[in-house]
N, C-alpha and C. Protein backbone atom coordinates (compact mmCIF):
# COMPACT_ATOMS: atom_id res chain seq x y z
N MET A 1 -9.31 -13.35 -0.90
CA MET A 1 -9.07 -12.42 -1.33
C MET A 1 -7.66 -12.71 -2.09
N LYS A 2 -7.76 -12.27 -3.62
CA LYS A 2 -6.27 -13.28 -3.95
C LYS A 2 -4.90 -12.27 -3.78
N ARG A 3 -3.82 -13.29 -3.27
CA ARG A 3 -2.80 -12.54 -2.65
C ARG A 3 -1.61 -12.51 -3.82
N VAL A 4 -1.01 -10.89 -3.97
CA VAL A 4 0.51 -10.63 -4.57
C VAL A 4 1.58 -10.62 -3.88
N ARG A 5 2.50 -10.75 -5.03
CA ARG A 5 4.25 -10.26 -4.56
C ARG A 5 4.18 -9.10 -5.30
N VAL A 6 4.45 -8.10 -4.14
CA VAL A 6 5.11 -6.78 -4.36
C VAL A 6 6.67 -6.51 -4.65
N THR A 7 6.71 -6.00 -5.73
CA THR A 7 8.54 -5.48 -5.57
C THR A 7 8.62 -4.17 -6.03
N ASN A 8 9.59 -3.35 -5.45
CA ASN A 8 10.24 -2.12 -6.00
C ASN A 8 11.10 -2.63 -7.00
N SER A 9 11.12 -2.65 -8.26
CA SER A 9 12.16 -2.65 -9.42
C SER A 9 12.84 -1.78 -9.61
N THR A 10 12.88 -0.71 -9.18
CA THR A 10 13.60 0.25 -9.29
C THR A 10 14.96 -0.29 -8.05
N ARG A 11 14.77 -0.52 -7.17
CA ARG A 11 15.75 -0.78 -5.91
C ARG A 11 15.91 -2.21 -5.84
N GLY A 12 15.23 -3.20 -6.76
CA GLY A 12 15.29 -4.66 -6.70
C GLY A 12 15.01 -5.19 -4.92
N ARG A 13 13.89 -4.65 -4.16
CA ARG A 13 13.78 -4.77 -3.17
C ARG A 13 12.16 -5.42 -3.02
N GLU A 14 11.79 -6.66 -2.43
CA GLU A 14 10.73 -6.58 -2.07
C GLU A 14 10.12 -6.17 -0.96
N LEU A 15 8.95 -5.82 -1.40
CA LEU A 15 8.10 -4.91 -0.24
C LEU A 15 6.68 -5.95 0.34
N GLY A 16 6.67 -6.80 -0.27
CA GLY A 16 5.64 -7.68 0.53
C GLY A 16 5.49 -9.22 -0.19
N THR A 17 5.50 -10.70 0.18
CA THR A 17 5.33 -12.20 -0.31
C THR A 17 3.74 -12.16 -0.43
N ARG A 18 2.71 -11.55 0.58
CA ARG A 18 1.69 -12.07 0.84
C ARG A 18 0.87 -10.56 1.01
N VAL A 19 0.46 -9.77 -0.24
CA VAL A 19 -0.48 -8.83 -0.24
C VAL A 19 -1.55 -9.07 -0.28
N LEU A 20 -2.45 -8.81 0.11
CA LEU A 20 -4.07 -8.95 -0.45
C LEU A 20 -4.29 -8.02 -1.14
N LEU A 21 -5.11 -8.23 -2.25
CA LEU A 21 -5.51 -7.23 -3.38
C LEU A 21 -7.19 -7.26 -3.30
N ALA A 22 -6.84 -5.84 -2.97
CA ALA A 22 -8.56 -5.48 -2.53
C ALA A 22 -9.36 -4.95 -3.76
N ASP A 23 -9.89 -5.45 -4.79
CA ASP A 23 -10.26 -4.87 -5.88
C ASP A 23 -11.35 -5.21 -6.30
N TRP A 24 -12.54 -5.04 -5.54
CA TRP A 24 -13.70 -4.82 -5.80
C TRP A 24 -14.19 -4.31 -4.31
N PHE A 25 -15.79 -4.10 -4.24
CA PHE A 25 -16.00 -2.79 -3.14
C PHE A 25 -15.77 -3.26 -2.03
N TRP A 26 -16.55 -4.36 -1.37
CA TRP A 26 -16.12 -4.85 0.14
C TRP A 26 -15.06 -4.58 0.49
N PRO A 27 -13.79 -5.41 -0.35
CA PRO A 27 -12.27 -5.37 0.70
C PRO A 27 -12.09 -4.21 0.53
N ARG A 28 -12.00 -2.95 -0.77
CA ARG A 28 -11.99 -2.06 -0.45
C ARG A 28 -12.42 -1.49 0.77
N LEU A 29 -13.79 -1.10 0.82
CA LEU A 29 -14.46 -0.27 1.89
C LEU A 29 -13.83 -1.25 3.44
N ARG A 30 -13.51 -2.27 3.40
CA ARG A 30 -12.71 -2.50 4.80
C ARG A 30 -11.45 -2.14 5.36
N GLY A 31 -10.57 -2.57 3.81
CA GLY A 31 -9.29 -2.31 4.08
C GLY A 31 -8.68 -2.83 5.12
N LEU A 32 -8.29 -2.24 5.86
CA LEU A 32 -7.22 -2.91 7.12
C LEU A 32 -8.05 -2.63 8.33
N ILE A 33 -9.47 -2.07 8.52
CA ILE A 33 -9.98 -1.78 9.75
C ILE A 33 -10.51 -3.15 10.60
N ALA A 34 -10.43 -3.13 11.62
CA ALA A 34 -10.54 -4.24 12.51
C ALA A 34 -9.89 -5.61 12.21
N ARG A 35 -8.45 -5.71 11.32
CA ARG A 35 -7.56 -6.66 11.33
C ARG A 35 -6.34 -6.78 12.06
N PRO A 36 -5.43 -7.63 12.14
CA PRO A 36 -4.69 -7.60 13.28
C PRO A 36 -3.55 -6.43 12.97
N ARG A 37 -2.65 -6.33 13.18
CA ARG A 37 -1.50 -5.24 12.54
C ARG A 37 -0.88 -6.48 11.65
N ILE A 38 -0.69 -5.58 10.57
CA ILE A 38 0.62 -6.33 9.29
C ILE A 38 1.83 -6.47 9.71
N GLU A 39 1.86 -7.94 9.23
CA GLU A 39 3.22 -8.35 9.71
C GLU A 39 4.63 -8.08 8.37
N HIS A 40 5.52 -8.33 8.53
CA HIS A 40 6.74 -7.80 7.40
C HIS A 40 6.33 -8.72 6.62
N GLY A 41 5.92 -8.29 5.47
CA GLY A 41 5.88 -9.23 4.22
C GLY A 41 4.52 -9.39 3.62
N GLU A 42 3.48 -8.68 4.83
CA GLU A 42 1.65 -8.77 4.30
C GLU A 42 1.72 -7.09 3.93
N GLY A 43 0.33 -6.85 3.44
CA GLY A 43 0.04 -5.84 3.06
C GLY A 43 -1.25 -5.58 2.26
N LEU A 44 -1.75 -4.83 1.97
CA LEU A 44 -3.12 -4.62 1.45
C LEU A 44 -2.95 -3.58 -0.03
N MET A 45 -3.02 -4.19 -1.62
CA MET A 45 -3.07 -3.37 -2.49
C MET A 45 -4.65 -2.64 -2.89
N ILE A 46 -5.20 -1.59 -2.96
CA ILE A 46 -6.39 -1.08 -3.00
C ILE A 46 -6.49 -0.95 -4.44
N VAL A 47 -7.31 -1.10 -5.43
CA VAL A 47 -7.44 -0.89 -6.47
C VAL A 47 -8.68 -0.51 -7.10
N PRO A 48 -9.28 0.24 -7.48
CA PRO A 48 -8.70 1.66 -7.77
C PRO A 48 -8.92 2.25 -6.12
N CYS A 49 -7.81 3.53 -6.32
CA CYS A 49 -7.78 4.09 -5.26
C CYS A 49 -6.85 5.28 -5.43
N ARG A 50 -7.16 6.73 -5.05
CA ARG A 50 -6.36 7.79 -5.12
C ARG A 50 -6.20 8.51 -3.64
N GLY A 51 -6.32 7.82 -2.59
CA GLY A 51 -6.08 8.44 -1.17
C GLY A 51 -6.95 7.25 -0.10
N VAL A 52 -6.05 7.15 0.99
CA VAL A 52 -6.81 6.18 1.71
C VAL A 52 -6.92 7.37 3.34
N HIS A 53 -8.00 6.74 4.30
CA HIS A 53 -8.09 6.93 5.40
C HIS A 53 -7.33 6.05 6.41
N MET A 54 -7.36 6.74 7.83
CA MET A 54 -7.02 5.54 8.91
C MET A 54 -8.09 5.64 10.03
N TYR A 55 -8.76 5.88 9.45
CA TYR A 55 -10.29 5.90 10.57
C TYR A 55 -10.51 4.49 11.27
N MET A 56 -10.69 4.46 12.34
CA MET A 56 -10.66 3.24 13.04
C MET A 56 -9.52 2.36 12.94
N MET A 57 -8.91 2.86 12.55
CA MET A 57 -7.21 2.30 12.71
C MET A 57 -6.45 2.04 14.13
N THR A 58 -5.46 0.95 14.24
CA THR A 58 -5.58 1.11 15.72
C THR A 58 -4.07 1.11 15.34
N TYR A 59 -3.23 1.16 14.25
CA TYR A 59 -1.80 0.88 14.19
C TYR A 59 -0.91 1.67 12.63
N PRO A 60 -0.15 2.37 12.74
CA PRO A 60 0.14 3.00 11.62
C PRO A 60 0.68 2.23 10.65
N ILE A 61 1.06 2.53 9.22
CA ILE A 61 0.78 1.92 8.51
C ILE A 61 1.98 2.89 7.33
N ASP A 62 2.54 2.16 6.07
CA ASP A 62 3.15 2.75 5.47
C ASP A 62 2.44 3.11 4.19
N VAL A 63 2.18 4.17 3.25
CA VAL A 63 1.31 3.87 2.18
C VAL A 63 1.85 4.28 0.86
N ALA A 64 2.00 3.89 -0.29
CA ALA A 64 2.34 4.32 -1.43
C ALA A 64 1.34 4.26 -2.36
N LEU A 65 1.15 5.50 -2.97
CA LEU A 65 -0.27 5.83 -4.24
C LEU A 65 0.77 5.24 -5.31
N ILE A 66 0.39 4.67 -6.07
CA ILE A 66 0.98 4.35 -7.62
C ILE A 66 -0.03 4.72 -8.82
N ASP A 67 0.62 4.80 -9.67
CA ASP A 67 0.19 5.30 -10.95
C ASP A 67 -0.21 4.21 -12.03
N ARG A 68 -1.03 4.02 -12.77
CA ARG A 68 -1.23 3.09 -13.83
C ARG A 68 0.23 2.41 -14.61
N ASP A 69 1.07 3.33 -14.30
CA ASP A 69 1.74 2.73 -15.07
C ASP A 69 3.34 2.12 -13.83
N GLY A 70 2.70 2.18 -12.89
CA GLY A 70 3.65 1.27 -11.50
C GLY A 70 4.43 2.36 -10.76
N GLY A 71 4.37 3.38 -11.25
CA GLY A 71 5.24 4.58 -10.47
C GLY A 71 4.80 4.96 -9.18
N VAL A 72 5.37 5.34 -8.41
CA VAL A 72 5.06 5.82 -7.10
C VAL A 72 4.67 7.55 -7.27
N VAL A 73 3.56 7.83 -7.27
CA VAL A 73 3.47 9.36 -7.18
C VAL A 73 3.32 10.12 -5.63
N ALA A 74 3.08 9.00 -4.62
CA ALA A 74 3.37 9.88 -3.33
C ALA A 74 3.31 8.98 -2.27
N MET A 75 4.05 9.28 -1.14
CA MET A 75 4.14 8.43 -0.37
C MET A 75 4.09 8.81 0.88
N TYR A 76 3.28 8.10 2.47
CA TYR A 76 3.14 8.37 3.54
C TYR A 76 4.12 7.38 4.38
N ARG A 77 4.41 7.73 4.92
CA ARG A 77 5.58 7.06 5.85
C ARG A 77 4.94 7.14 7.16
N GLU A 78 4.70 6.00 8.15
CA GLU A 78 4.38 5.75 8.99
C GLU A 78 2.43 6.71 9.75
N LEU A 79 1.96 6.75 8.88
CA LEU A 79 0.60 7.15 8.54
C LEU A 79 -0.10 6.72 10.03
N ALA A 80 -0.51 7.77 10.83
CA ALA A 80 -1.15 7.32 11.98
C ALA A 80 -2.53 7.03 12.32
N PRO A 81 -3.04 6.34 13.18
CA PRO A 81 -4.46 6.46 13.30
C PRO A 81 -5.36 7.31 13.26
N GLY A 82 -6.11 7.67 12.47
CA GLY A 82 -7.17 8.79 12.48
C GLY A 82 -7.06 9.87 11.48
N ALA A 83 -5.46 9.76 10.92
CA ALA A 83 -5.20 10.48 9.78
C ALA A 83 -5.16 10.09 8.50
N ARG A 84 -5.28 10.76 7.05
CA ARG A 84 -5.33 10.54 6.16
C ARG A 84 -4.87 11.10 5.02
N THR A 85 -4.68 10.60 3.95
CA THR A 85 -3.66 10.97 2.53
C THR A 85 -4.97 11.86 2.14
N ARG A 86 -3.63 13.17 0.96
CA ARG A 86 -4.22 13.77 0.23
C ARG A 86 -5.06 12.96 -1.08
N TRP A 87 -5.88 13.47 -1.70
CA TRP A 87 -6.34 12.72 -2.69
C TRP A 87 -5.18 13.41 -4.01
N HIS A 88 -5.25 12.16 -4.57
CA HIS A 88 -3.82 11.85 -5.66
C HIS A 88 -4.52 11.93 -7.16
N GLY A 89 -5.21 12.52 -8.09
CA GLY A 89 -5.64 12.49 -8.90
C GLY A 89 -4.97 11.27 -10.12
N ASP A 90 -3.41 11.57 -9.92
CA ASP A 90 -2.88 10.56 -10.60
C ASP A 90 -2.33 9.12 -10.49
N ALA A 91 -2.99 8.68 -9.01
CA ALA A 91 -3.00 7.68 -8.59
C ALA A 91 -4.01 6.90 -8.91
N HIS A 92 -3.56 5.57 -8.85
CA HIS A 92 -4.84 4.75 -9.61
C HIS A 92 -4.85 3.45 -8.46
N ARG A 93 -3.74 3.12 -7.28
CA ARG A 93 -4.02 2.14 -6.31
C ARG A 93 -3.43 2.59 -5.07
N ALA A 94 -3.33 1.93 -4.12
CA ALA A 94 -2.61 2.43 -2.81
C ALA A 94 -2.17 1.06 -3.01
N LEU A 95 -1.07 1.09 -2.19
CA LEU A 95 -0.35 0.11 -1.21
C LEU A 95 0.06 0.55 0.13
N GLU A 96 -0.58 -0.52 0.88
CA GLU A 96 -0.40 -0.39 2.37
C GLU A 96 0.64 -1.61 3.04
N VAL A 97 1.82 -1.20 3.05
CA VAL A 97 2.41 -2.39 3.89
C VAL A 97 2.71 -1.65 5.35
N PRO A 98 3.47 -2.59 6.10
CA PRO A 98 3.72 -2.20 7.50
C PRO A 98 4.41 -0.83 7.86
N ALA A 99 4.31 -0.35 8.92
CA ALA A 99 4.89 1.13 9.12
C ALA A 99 6.40 0.70 9.05
N GLY A 100 7.99 1.77 8.06
CA GLY A 100 8.97 1.59 7.98
C GLY A 100 9.42 0.85 6.90
N MET A 101 8.73 0.03 6.20
CA MET A 101 8.55 -1.21 5.23
C MET A 101 9.69 0.08 3.82
N LEU A 102 8.43 1.05 3.75
CA LEU A 102 9.06 1.85 2.33
C LEU A 102 10.85 2.45 2.75
N ALA A 103 10.91 2.86 3.96
CA ALA A 103 12.52 3.24 4.27
C ALA A 103 12.76 2.33 4.22
N GLU A 104 13.06 0.83 4.96
CA GLU A 104 13.61 -0.50 5.16
C GLU A 104 13.97 -0.67 3.04
N THR A 105 13.15 -0.33 2.34
CA THR A 105 13.13 -0.47 0.96
C THR A 105 13.54 0.61 0.18
N SER A 106 14.16 1.41 0.94
CA SER A 106 14.46 2.32 0.18
C SER A 106 13.51 3.07 -1.03
N THR A 107 12.08 2.98 -0.94
CA THR A 107 10.90 3.12 -1.76
C THR A 107 11.31 4.79 -1.75
N SER A 108 11.23 5.29 -2.89
CA SER A 108 10.92 6.88 -3.12
C SER A 108 10.55 7.34 -4.41
N LEU A 109 10.13 8.65 -4.29
CA LEU A 109 8.92 8.68 -5.39
C LEU A 109 9.72 8.52 -6.80
N GLY A 110 8.72 8.12 -8.06
CA GLY A 110 9.27 7.82 -9.09
C GLY A 110 9.64 6.55 -9.38
N ASP A 111 10.15 5.47 -8.10
CA ASP A 111 10.30 4.45 -8.23
C ASP A 111 9.32 3.44 -8.52
N ARG A 112 9.54 2.50 -9.54
CA ARG A 112 8.29 1.41 -10.26
C ARG A 112 7.95 0.42 -9.63
N ILE A 113 6.98 -0.17 -9.13
CA ILE A 113 6.41 -1.03 -8.57
C ILE A 113 5.68 -1.80 -9.24
N VAL A 114 6.40 -3.03 -9.26
CA VAL A 114 5.39 -4.33 -9.67
C VAL A 114 4.84 -5.57 -9.17
N TRP A 115 3.66 -6.29 -9.82
CA TRP A 115 3.08 -7.23 -8.87
C TRP A 115 2.67 -8.21 -9.30
N GLY A 116 2.70 -9.52 -8.70
CA GLY A 116 1.92 -10.27 -9.52
C GLY A 116 2.12 -11.77 -8.66
N GLU A 117 0.78 -12.57 -9.04
CA GLU A 117 0.46 -13.86 -8.18
C GLU A 117 1.32 -14.18 -8.09
N ASN A 118 1.50 -15.02 -6.37
CA ASN A 118 2.68 -16.00 -5.94
C ASN A 118 2.24 -17.24 -6.52
């Protein structure tokens, strides 16, 4: 899978330097299931995506749902194993990062998220 760097351009804070891009069926289906806990700087960006579930996960994560223009439309901090987000019709992608990263970067609804290849 391709890796991208993800930044909150509104806050000038980096969300991840080694974020995997899941932009086709199999990586989207697997997500982070059966993967080791993601570390600071790591994550997964799922495209397209309007909501995620944490079934079969063993650790919590932060999730930001992002629209086509890069705006944060929903956030789930420390989403627990077994939980799920709501479906967000205005979302186009989901960014999954280590639990606590959204708070650490002061990411808020409406912030602009940008990404590009490393």
